[in-house]
Protein backbone atom coordinates (compact mmCIF):
# COMPACT_ATOMS: atom_id res chain seq x y z
CA MET A 1 -207.31 64.82 -36.29
CA ALA A 2 -208.04 61.22 -37.13
CA GLN A 3 -211.67 60.14 -37.12
CA ASP A 4 -211.12 57.74 -34.23
CA GLN A 5 -209.88 60.56 -31.95
CA GLN A 6 -212.34 62.47 -29.81
CA PHE A 7 -212.17 66.16 -29.05
CA SER A 8 -212.40 66.79 -25.31
CA HIS A 9 -213.77 70.36 -25.30
CA ASP A 10 -217.27 71.71 -25.84
CA VAL A 11 -216.15 75.09 -27.18
CA VAL A 12 -213.02 76.57 -28.76
CA VAL A 13 -212.67 80.35 -28.70
CA ILE A 14 -210.13 81.56 -31.27
CA GLY A 15 -208.52 84.88 -30.45
CA GLY A 16 -209.67 84.07 -26.94
CA GLY A 17 -207.44 86.47 -25.04
CA GLY A 18 -209.12 89.61 -26.32
CA HIS A 19 -211.92 91.87 -25.15
CA VAL A 20 -214.62 89.72 -26.77
CA GLY A 21 -213.19 86.21 -26.73
CA LEU A 22 -212.02 86.01 -23.13
CA PRO A 23 -215.31 87.13 -21.52
CA LEU A 24 -217.16 84.78 -23.88
CA ALA A 25 -214.89 81.88 -22.92
CA ILE A 26 -215.33 82.67 -19.23
CA ALA A 27 -219.12 82.79 -19.64
CA PHE A 28 -219.15 79.37 -21.35
CA ALA A 29 -216.89 77.87 -18.68
CA ASP A 30 -219.02 79.41 -15.91
CA ARG A 31 -221.97 77.49 -17.34
CA GLY A 32 -220.12 74.19 -17.08
CA LEU A 33 -218.72 73.82 -20.59
CA SER A 34 -215.17 72.68 -21.26
CA VAL A 35 -213.53 75.59 -23.07
CA LEU A 36 -210.26 75.81 -25.00
CA ILE A 37 -208.94 79.31 -25.68
CA TYR A 38 -206.58 79.81 -28.62
CA ASP A 39 -204.65 83.04 -29.07
CA VAL A 40 -201.50 83.85 -31.03
CA SER A 41 -200.40 86.43 -28.45
CA LYS A 42 -198.02 84.73 -26.02
CA ALA A 43 -198.39 87.66 -23.63
CA ALA A 44 -202.18 87.25 -23.52
CA VAL A 45 -201.90 83.48 -23.08
CA ASP A 46 -199.37 83.87 -20.26
CA LEU A 47 -201.64 86.32 -18.42
CA VAL A 48 -204.69 84.07 -18.71
CA ASN A 49 -202.65 81.02 -17.65
CA ASP A 50 -201.59 82.99 -14.57
CA ALA A 51 -205.28 83.87 -13.90
CA VAL A 52 -204.66 87.54 -14.63
CA LEU A 53 -207.10 89.49 -16.78
CA PRO A 54 -205.31 91.55 -19.44
CA PHE A 55 -208.04 94.22 -19.16
CA ASP A 56 -210.82 95.27 -16.79
CA GLU A 57 -213.93 93.08 -17.10
CA PRO A 58 -216.30 93.39 -14.12
CA GLY A 59 -216.83 90.03 -12.38
CA ALA A 60 -214.52 88.06 -14.65
CA ALA A 61 -211.45 87.91 -12.39
CA VAL A 62 -213.18 85.72 -9.83
CA LYS A 63 -214.36 83.29 -12.49
CA LEU A 64 -211.04 83.21 -14.31
């Protein structure tokens, strides 16, 4: 990224579709931060993009 470009997110969660990263990303976003989730798993990314949790996390589905 060139120095004159600005990054538009407050937080980037790498491996963000997993059991730790996704709830963390949701918690940051729930507090008003702009969050980018990066994950190499296309299946996990597709689920999150469709607002589907890939696992059971109490309270997260509503916020996702």
